[in-house]
Amino acid sequence: MRAPDIFQAHPMPPAQGLPHPQTTIRAGISGFPSPAEDYVGRTLDLNQRLVKRPSATFFMTVAGDSMEGFGIQDGDTLVVDRSVNAKPGHILVALVDGEVIVKRYEILAKRPYLCSGNDRYAPIPITDLDCQVWGVVRSVIHEFAV
């Protein structure tokens, strides 16, 4: 499959603060606090939370089941950072022999491999391939069907 068939890149969404209640634990019963107290002054901007380097970050939507063992499902959105140096154990977005893939970078028997999170897909040795790392996956956004 060609890259456009596998992933769809998304532009950076505008910053927007969402309600983010502060969790507090009370040691005893001292009346009934207002439910609105949890929302006063607290917001959560997902761009601020998930995007560490905006100029080096992009989003991609995944298709396929090869990364399910690593918590990446078909339809998930990846937050990918191009500024992070790839290290063993990182999940990478890479262009391998003209195909865009998402795999975990591992060293097996002293050789570098790109590995799937599904036993149906064999590890890919990258020493003999044309491989360009596009970035390291920082976060996975998974939406539940409702």
N, C-alpha and C. Protein backbone atom coordinates (compact mmCIF):
# COMPACT_ATOMS: atom_id res chain seq x y z
N MET A 1 0.83 -1.18 0.00
CA MET A 1 0.00 0.00 0.00
C MET A 1 0.87 1.24 0.00
N ARG A 2 0.42 2.28 -0.65
CA ARG A 2 1.13 3.54 -0.67
C ARG A 2 0.79 4.34 0.59
N ALA A 3 1.64 5.28 0.93
CA ALA A 3 1.46 6.08 2.15
C ALA A 3 0.07 6.71 2.26
N PRO A 4 -0.49 7.33 1.22
CA PRO A 4 -1.82 7.93 1.39
C PRO A 4 -2.90 6.91 1.71
N ASP A 5 -2.69 5.65 1.34
CA ASP A 5 -3.68 4.63 1.62
C ASP A 5 -3.63 4.19 3.09
N ILE A 6 -2.51 4.40 3.75
CA ILE A 6 -2.33 3.93 5.11
C ILE A 6 -2.62 5.01 6.14
N PHE A 7 -2.11 6.21 5.92
CA PHE A 7 -2.23 7.28 6.90
C PHE A 7 -2.85 8.51 6.28
N GLN A 8 -3.48 9.27 7.13
CA GLN A 8 -4.00 10.55 6.71
C GLN A 8 -3.45 11.59 7.68
N ALA A 9 -2.65 12.52 7.19
CA ALA A 9 -2.07 13.56 8.04
C ALA A 9 -3.14 14.58 8.39
N HIS A 10 -3.02 15.16 9.58
CA HIS A 10 -3.98 16.14 10.06
C HIS A 10 -3.24 17.42 10.43
N PRO A 11 -3.80 18.59 10.14
CA PRO A 11 -3.17 19.83 10.58
C PRO A 11 -3.31 19.99 12.09
N MET A 12 -2.47 20.84 12.68
CA MET A 12 -2.52 21.11 14.11
C MET A 12 -3.83 21.84 14.44
N PRO A 13 -4.65 21.30 15.36
CA PRO A 13 -5.88 21.99 15.73
C PRO A 13 -5.58 23.23 16.54
N PRO A 14 -6.50 24.22 16.54
CA PRO A 14 -6.27 25.43 17.33
C PRO A 14 -6.33 25.11 18.82
N ALA A 15 -5.62 25.92 19.62
CA ALA A 15 -5.62 25.72 21.07
C ALA A 15 -7.00 26.00 21.62
N GLN A 16 -7.42 25.16 22.55
CA GLN A 16 -8.73 25.33 23.16
C GLN A 16 -8.70 24.69 24.54
N GLY A 17 -9.02 25.48 25.55
CA GLY A 17 -9.06 24.95 26.90
C GLY A 17 -10.37 24.23 27.16
N LEU A 18 -10.30 23.04 27.72
CA LEU A 18 -11.47 22.25 28.06
C LEU A 18 -11.54 22.11 29.57
N PRO A 19 -12.71 21.95 30.16
CA PRO A 19 -12.79 21.79 31.61
C PRO A 19 -11.96 20.62 32.10
N HIS A 20 -11.22 20.85 33.17
CA HIS A 20 -10.36 19.82 33.74
C HIS A 20 -10.48 19.92 35.26
N PRO A 21 -11.37 19.14 35.87
CA PRO A 21 -11.57 19.26 37.31
C PRO A 21 -10.34 18.86 38.10
N GLN A 22 -10.09 19.59 39.18
CA GLN A 22 -9.00 19.23 40.08
C GLN A 22 -9.53 18.19 41.04
N THR A 23 -8.86 17.07 41.10
CA THR A 23 -9.30 16.00 41.98
C THR A 23 -8.81 16.28 43.39
N THR A 24 -9.72 16.29 44.34
CA THR A 24 -9.35 16.47 45.73
C THR A 24 -9.92 15.33 46.55
N ILE A 25 -9.22 15.00 47.61
CA ILE A 25 -9.67 13.94 48.51
C ILE A 25 -9.94 14.60 49.86
N ARG A 26 -11.11 14.37 50.39
CA ARG A 26 -11.48 14.96 51.68
C ARG A 26 -11.33 13.89 52.76
N ALA A 27 -10.79 14.33 53.90
CA ALA A 27 -10.52 13.39 55.00
C ALA A 27 -11.76 13.08 55.81
N GLY A 28 -12.77 13.88 55.72
CA GLY A 28 -13.97 13.63 56.50
C GLY A 28 -15.16 14.31 55.86
N ILE A 29 -16.32 14.04 56.39
CA ILE A 29 -17.52 14.66 55.86
C ILE A 29 -17.67 16.02 56.51
N SER A 30 -17.70 17.05 55.69
CA SER A 30 -17.83 18.41 56.21
C SER A 30 -18.87 19.16 55.40
N GLY A 31 -19.98 18.54 55.16
CA GLY A 31 -21.01 19.17 54.34
C GLY A 31 -20.93 18.65 52.92
N PHE A 32 -21.72 19.23 52.07
CA PHE A 32 -21.76 18.81 50.67
C PHE A 32 -21.18 19.93 49.81
N PRO A 33 -19.99 19.71 49.24
CA PRO A 33 -19.40 20.75 48.39
C PRO A 33 -20.19 20.90 47.09
N SER A 34 -20.13 22.08 46.54
CA SER A 34 -20.79 22.35 45.27
C SER A 34 -20.07 21.60 44.16
N PRO A 35 -20.80 20.90 43.27
CA PRO A 35 -20.14 20.23 42.15
C PRO A 35 -19.40 21.20 41.24
N ALA A 36 -19.82 22.45 41.23
CA ALA A 36 -19.17 23.46 40.38
C ALA A 36 -17.76 23.79 40.86
N GLU A 37 -17.46 23.53 42.13
CA GLU A 37 -16.12 23.83 42.66
C GLU A 37 -15.04 23.10 41.89
N ASP A 38 -15.34 21.92 41.40
CA ASP A 38 -14.34 21.13 40.69
C ASP A 38 -13.93 21.74 39.36
N TYR A 39 -14.71 22.64 38.82
CA TYR A 39 -14.44 23.18 37.49
C TYR A 39 -13.91 24.61 37.52
N VAL A 40 -13.85 25.24 38.66
CA VAL A 40 -13.46 26.64 38.76
C VAL A 40 -11.98 26.79 38.40
N GLY A 41 -11.71 27.58 37.37
CA GLY A 41 -10.35 27.95 37.03
C GLY A 41 -9.47 26.88 36.43
N ARG A 42 -9.96 25.71 36.16
CA ARG A 42 -9.13 24.65 35.61
C ARG A 42 -9.56 24.32 34.19
N THR A 43 -8.62 24.33 33.27
CA THR A 43 -8.90 23.90 31.90
C THR A 43 -7.78 22.97 31.45
N LEU A 44 -8.06 22.22 30.44
CA LEU A 44 -7.07 21.31 29.86
C LEU A 44 -7.03 21.57 28.36
N ASP A 45 -5.89 22.01 27.87
CA ASP A 45 -5.68 22.20 26.44
C ASP A 45 -4.93 20.97 25.95
N LEU A 46 -5.58 20.16 25.11
CA LEU A 46 -4.95 18.92 24.66
C LEU A 46 -3.70 19.18 23.82
N ASN A 47 -3.67 20.28 23.09
CA ASN A 47 -2.44 20.61 22.36
C ASN A 47 -1.29 20.86 23.33
N GLN A 48 -1.57 21.60 24.39
CA GLN A 48 -0.54 21.89 25.38
C GLN A 48 -0.11 20.60 26.08
N ARG A 49 -1.03 19.73 26.34
CA ARG A 49 -0.74 18.48 27.06
C ARG A 49 0.01 17.47 26.20
N LEU A 50 -0.38 17.32 24.93
CA LEU A 50 0.16 16.27 24.08
C LEU A 50 1.26 16.71 23.14
N VAL A 51 1.33 18.01 22.83
CA VAL A 51 2.29 18.51 21.84
C VAL A 51 3.41 19.26 22.57
N LYS A 52 4.59 18.66 22.60
CA LYS A 52 5.73 19.27 23.29
C LYS A 52 6.46 20.28 22.41
N ARG A 53 6.53 20.01 21.12
CA ARG A 53 7.22 20.89 20.17
C ARG A 53 6.31 21.09 18.95
N PRO A 54 5.47 22.13 18.98
CA PRO A 54 4.48 22.31 17.91
C PRO A 54 5.06 22.36 16.50
N SER A 55 6.21 22.98 16.32
CA SER A 55 6.77 23.09 14.98
C SER A 55 7.29 21.76 14.44
N ALA A 56 7.47 20.78 15.32
CA ALA A 56 7.99 19.48 14.90
C ALA A 56 6.96 18.38 15.03
N THR A 57 5.70 18.73 15.30
CA THR A 57 4.67 17.73 15.59
C THR A 57 3.63 17.65 14.48
N PHE A 58 3.20 16.43 14.19
CA PHE A 58 2.09 16.23 13.26
C PHE A 58 1.25 15.08 13.77
N PHE A 59 0.04 14.96 13.23
CA PHE A 59 -0.91 13.92 13.62
C PHE A 59 -1.13 12.99 12.43
N MET A 60 -1.33 11.70 12.72
CA MET A 60 -1.63 10.73 11.67
C MET A 60 -2.69 9.77 12.18
N THR A 61 -3.52 9.30 11.27
CA THR A 61 -4.52 8.30 11.61
C THR A 61 -4.03 6.95 11.10
N VAL A 62 -4.13 5.94 11.95
CA VAL A 62 -3.61 4.60 11.65
C VAL A 62 -4.68 3.73 11.02
N ALA A 63 -4.27 2.90 10.08
CA ALA A 63 -5.14 1.87 9.51
C ALA A 63 -4.41 0.54 9.65
N GLY A 64 -5.09 -0.46 10.16
CA GLY A 64 -4.49 -1.79 10.26
C GLY A 64 -4.37 -2.27 11.69
N ASP A 65 -3.94 -3.54 11.83
CA ASP A 65 -3.89 -4.19 13.13
C ASP A 65 -2.49 -4.57 13.59
N SER A 66 -1.46 -4.10 12.89
CA SER A 66 -0.11 -4.57 13.20
C SER A 66 0.44 -4.06 14.52
N MET A 67 -0.16 -3.04 15.12
CA MET A 67 0.38 -2.47 16.36
C MET A 67 -0.54 -2.66 17.56
N GLU A 68 -1.55 -3.51 17.44
CA GLU A 68 -2.51 -3.71 18.52
C GLU A 68 -1.86 -4.14 19.83
N GLY A 69 -0.82 -4.94 19.77
CA GLY A 69 -0.13 -5.38 20.98
C GLY A 69 0.56 -4.27 21.73
N PHE A 70 0.76 -3.13 21.07
CA PHE A 70 1.37 -1.97 21.70
C PHE A 70 0.34 -0.88 22.00
N GLY A 71 -0.95 -1.24 21.92
CA GLY A 71 -2.01 -0.29 22.27
C GLY A 71 -2.40 0.66 21.17
N ILE A 72 -2.00 0.39 19.94
CA ILE A 72 -2.36 1.24 18.80
C ILE A 72 -3.36 0.48 17.94
N GLN A 73 -4.56 0.99 17.84
CA GLN A 73 -5.66 0.31 17.15
C GLN A 73 -5.96 0.98 15.80
N ASP A 74 -6.63 0.26 14.96
CA ASP A 74 -7.11 0.80 13.68
C ASP A 74 -7.98 2.02 13.96
N GLY A 75 -7.70 3.14 13.30
CA GLY A 75 -8.47 4.36 13.48
C GLY A 75 -7.93 5.31 14.53
N ASP A 76 -6.92 4.89 15.32
CA ASP A 76 -6.34 5.77 16.32
C ASP A 76 -5.57 6.91 15.67
N THR A 77 -5.47 8.01 16.39
CA THR A 77 -4.70 9.16 15.94
C THR A 77 -3.37 9.16 16.71
N LEU A 78 -2.27 9.29 15.98
CA LEU A 78 -0.95 9.35 16.59
C LEU A 78 -0.48 10.79 16.65
N VAL A 79 0.15 11.16 17.75
CA VAL A 79 0.83 12.44 17.88
C VAL A 79 2.31 12.13 17.68
N VAL A 80 2.88 12.62 16.59
CA VAL A 80 4.24 12.26 16.18
C VAL A 80 5.15 13.47 16.27
N ASP A 81 6.30 13.28 16.92
CA ASP A 81 7.27 14.36 17.11
C ASP A 81 8.51 14.07 16.28
N ARG A 82 8.79 14.96 15.33
CA ARG A 82 9.96 14.78 14.44
C ARG A 82 11.27 15.15 15.13
N SER A 83 11.22 15.85 16.27
CA SER A 83 12.44 16.33 16.91
C SER A 83 13.06 15.33 17.89
N VAL A 84 12.40 14.22 18.16
CA VAL A 84 12.91 13.23 19.10
C VAL A 84 13.84 12.26 18.38
N ASN A 85 15.01 12.03 18.94
CA ASN A 85 15.93 11.04 18.38
C ASN A 85 15.43 9.64 18.71
N ALA A 86 15.31 8.81 17.69
CA ALA A 86 14.79 7.45 17.88
C ALA A 86 15.75 6.60 18.68
N LYS A 87 15.18 5.90 19.67
CA LYS A 87 15.95 4.98 20.51
C LYS A 87 15.20 3.65 20.57
N PRO A 88 15.91 2.56 20.85
CA PRO A 88 15.22 1.28 20.98
C PRO A 88 14.07 1.37 22.00
N GLY A 89 12.93 0.81 21.62
CA GLY A 89 11.73 0.88 22.44
C GLY A 89 10.74 1.94 22.00
N HIS A 90 11.20 2.92 21.22
CA HIS A 90 10.30 3.95 20.70
C HIS A 90 9.43 3.40 19.58
N ILE A 91 8.21 3.91 19.50
CA ILE A 91 7.33 3.63 18.36
C ILE A 91 7.64 4.70 17.32
N LEU A 92 7.94 4.27 16.10
CA LEU A 92 8.34 5.19 15.04
C LEU A 92 7.33 5.21 13.90
N VAL A 93 7.27 6.35 13.24
CA VAL A 93 6.65 6.45 11.92
C VAL A 93 7.82 6.57 10.97
N ALA A 94 7.90 5.66 10.01
CA ALA A 94 9.04 5.62 9.10
C ALA A 94 8.59 5.33 7.68
N LEU A 95 9.42 5.77 6.76
CA LEU A 95 9.24 5.44 5.34
C LEU A 95 10.25 4.35 5.04
N VAL A 96 9.75 3.14 4.75
CA VAL A 96 10.62 1.98 4.49
C VAL A 96 10.34 1.49 3.08
N ASP A 97 11.34 1.59 2.23
CA ASP A 97 11.21 1.18 0.83
C ASP A 97 9.96 1.78 0.19
N GLY A 98 9.70 3.05 0.46
CA GLY A 98 8.58 3.75 -0.17
C GLY A 98 7.24 3.57 0.52
N GLU A 99 7.19 2.83 1.63
CA GLU A 99 5.93 2.60 2.34
C GLU A 99 6.01 3.22 3.73
N VAL A 100 4.97 3.98 4.11
CA VAL A 100 4.90 4.56 5.45
C VAL A 100 4.40 3.50 6.41
N ILE A 101 5.15 3.29 7.50
CA ILE A 101 4.77 2.28 8.48
C ILE A 101 4.91 2.84 9.90
N VAL A 102 4.23 2.20 10.83
CA VAL A 102 4.38 2.48 12.26
C VAL A 102 4.84 1.17 12.90
N LYS A 103 6.00 1.22 13.54
CA LYS A 103 6.59 0.03 14.17
C LYS A 103 7.40 0.45 15.39
N ARG A 104 7.70 -0.52 16.24
CA ARG A 104 8.57 -0.25 17.39
C ARG A 104 10.00 -0.58 16.99
N TYR A 105 10.90 0.33 17.29
CA TYR A 105 12.32 0.17 17.00
C TYR A 105 12.95 -0.68 18.09
N GLU A 106 13.58 -1.80 17.69
CA GLU A 106 14.20 -2.71 18.64
C GLU A 106 15.54 -3.18 18.11
N ILE A 107 16.40 -3.57 19.02
CA ILE A 107 17.67 -4.20 18.68
C ILE A 107 17.53 -5.68 19.05
N LEU A 108 17.62 -6.55 18.05
CA LEU A 108 17.52 -8.00 18.26
C LEU A 108 18.79 -8.63 17.70
N ALA A 109 19.49 -9.40 18.51
CA ALA A 109 20.74 -10.05 18.10
C ALA A 109 21.71 -9.02 17.51
N LYS A 110 21.79 -7.87 18.18
CA LYS A 110 22.71 -6.78 17.82
C LYS A 110 22.41 -6.14 16.46
N ARG A 111 21.20 -6.34 15.94
CA ARG A 111 20.81 -5.73 14.66
C ARG A 111 19.53 -4.93 14.88
N PRO A 112 19.37 -3.80 14.17
CA PRO A 112 18.16 -2.98 14.33
C PRO A 112 16.99 -3.55 13.53
N TYR A 113 15.83 -3.56 14.18
CA TYR A 113 14.60 -4.06 13.54
C TYR A 113 13.45 -3.11 13.83
N LEU A 114 12.47 -3.14 12.96
CA LEU A 114 11.17 -2.50 13.18
C LEU A 114 10.18 -3.62 13.44
N CYS A 115 9.57 -3.60 14.61
CA CYS A 115 8.74 -4.72 15.05
C CYS A 115 7.28 -4.32 15.21
N SER A 116 6.41 -5.25 14.87
CA SER A 116 4.97 -5.08 15.02
C SER A 116 4.54 -5.50 16.41
N GLY A 117 3.34 -5.10 16.76
CA GLY A 117 2.72 -5.53 18.00
C GLY A 117 1.71 -6.63 17.74
N ASN A 118 1.94 -7.39 16.67
CA ASN A 118 1.05 -8.48 16.28
C ASN A 118 1.93 -9.60 15.73
N ASP A 119 1.80 -10.78 16.28
CA ASP A 119 2.65 -11.92 15.88
C ASP A 119 2.50 -12.32 14.41
N ARG A 120 1.44 -11.86 13.77
CA ARG A 120 1.25 -12.21 12.35
C ARG A 120 2.24 -11.51 11.44
N TYR A 121 2.94 -10.48 11.96
CA TYR A 121 3.86 -9.69 11.13
C TYR A 121 5.28 -9.87 11.66
N ALA A 122 6.17 -10.32 10.80
CA ALA A 122 7.57 -10.57 11.18
C ALA A 122 8.31 -9.25 11.37
N PRO A 123 9.32 -9.24 12.26
CA PRO A 123 10.17 -8.06 12.40
C PRO A 123 10.86 -7.72 11.08
N ILE A 124 11.06 -6.45 10.84
CA ILE A 124 11.68 -5.98 9.60
C ILE A 124 13.10 -5.54 9.90
N PRO A 125 14.12 -6.24 9.37
CA PRO A 125 15.50 -5.76 9.57
C PRO A 125 15.71 -4.50 8.75
N ILE A 126 16.29 -3.47 9.36
CA ILE A 126 16.40 -2.20 8.62
C ILE A 126 17.80 -1.92 8.11
N THR A 127 18.73 -2.83 8.30
CA THR A 127 20.08 -2.59 7.83
C THR A 127 20.19 -2.61 6.31
N ASP A 128 19.38 -3.40 5.64
CA ASP A 128 19.47 -3.54 4.19
C ASP A 128 18.39 -2.76 3.44
N LEU A 129 17.61 -1.97 4.16
CA LEU A 129 16.48 -1.27 3.54
C LEU A 129 16.72 0.22 3.48
N ASP A 130 16.01 0.87 2.58
CA ASP A 130 15.98 2.32 2.55
C ASP A 130 14.96 2.75 3.60
N CYS A 131 15.43 3.30 4.71
CA CYS A 131 14.55 3.65 5.82
C CYS A 131 14.78 5.08 6.26
N GLN A 132 13.70 5.87 6.30
CA GLN A 132 13.75 7.24 6.79
C GLN A 132 12.77 7.36 7.96
N VAL A 133 13.27 7.76 9.11
CA VAL A 133 12.40 7.96 10.27
C VAL A 133 11.72 9.32 10.12
N TRP A 134 10.40 9.33 10.16
CA TRP A 134 9.64 10.57 10.08
C TRP A 134 9.42 11.17 11.45
N GLY A 135 9.39 10.33 12.49
CA GLY A 135 9.20 10.85 13.83
C GLY A 135 8.92 9.74 14.83
N VAL A 136 8.88 10.14 16.09
CA VAL A 136 8.61 9.23 17.20
C VAL A 136 7.20 9.51 17.71
N VAL A 137 6.44 8.46 17.94
CA VAL A 137 5.08 8.60 18.44
C VAL A 137 5.14 8.98 19.91
N ARG A 138 4.57 10.14 20.24
CA ARG A 138 4.53 10.61 21.63
C ARG A 138 3.25 10.17 22.34
N SER A 139 2.14 10.15 21.60
CA SER A 139 0.85 9.82 22.20
C SER A 139 -0.03 9.12 21.18
N VAL A 140 -1.00 8.37 21.72
CA VAL A 140 -2.01 7.71 20.90
C VAL A 140 -3.36 8.19 21.41
N ILE A 141 -4.19 8.66 20.51
CA ILE A 141 -5.53 9.09 20.87
C ILE A 141 -6.49 8.02 20.37
N HIS A 142 -7.18 7.38 21.30
CA HIS A 142 -8.11 6.31 20.96
C HIS A 142 -9.52 6.74 21.34
N GLU A 143 -10.42 6.72 20.38
CA GLU A 143 -11.80 7.10 20.64
C GLU A 143 -12.65 5.83 20.71
N PHE A 144 -13.53 5.79 21.69
CA PHE A 144 -14.43 4.66 21.85
C PHE A 144 -15.71 4.91 21.05
N ALA A 145 -16.26 3.86 20.50
CA ALA A 145 -17.53 3.96 19.79
C ALA A 145 -18.63 4.19 20.82
N VAL A 146 -19.46 5.18 20.55
CA VAL A 146 -20.58 5.46 21.48
C VAL A 146 -21.89 5.44 20.74
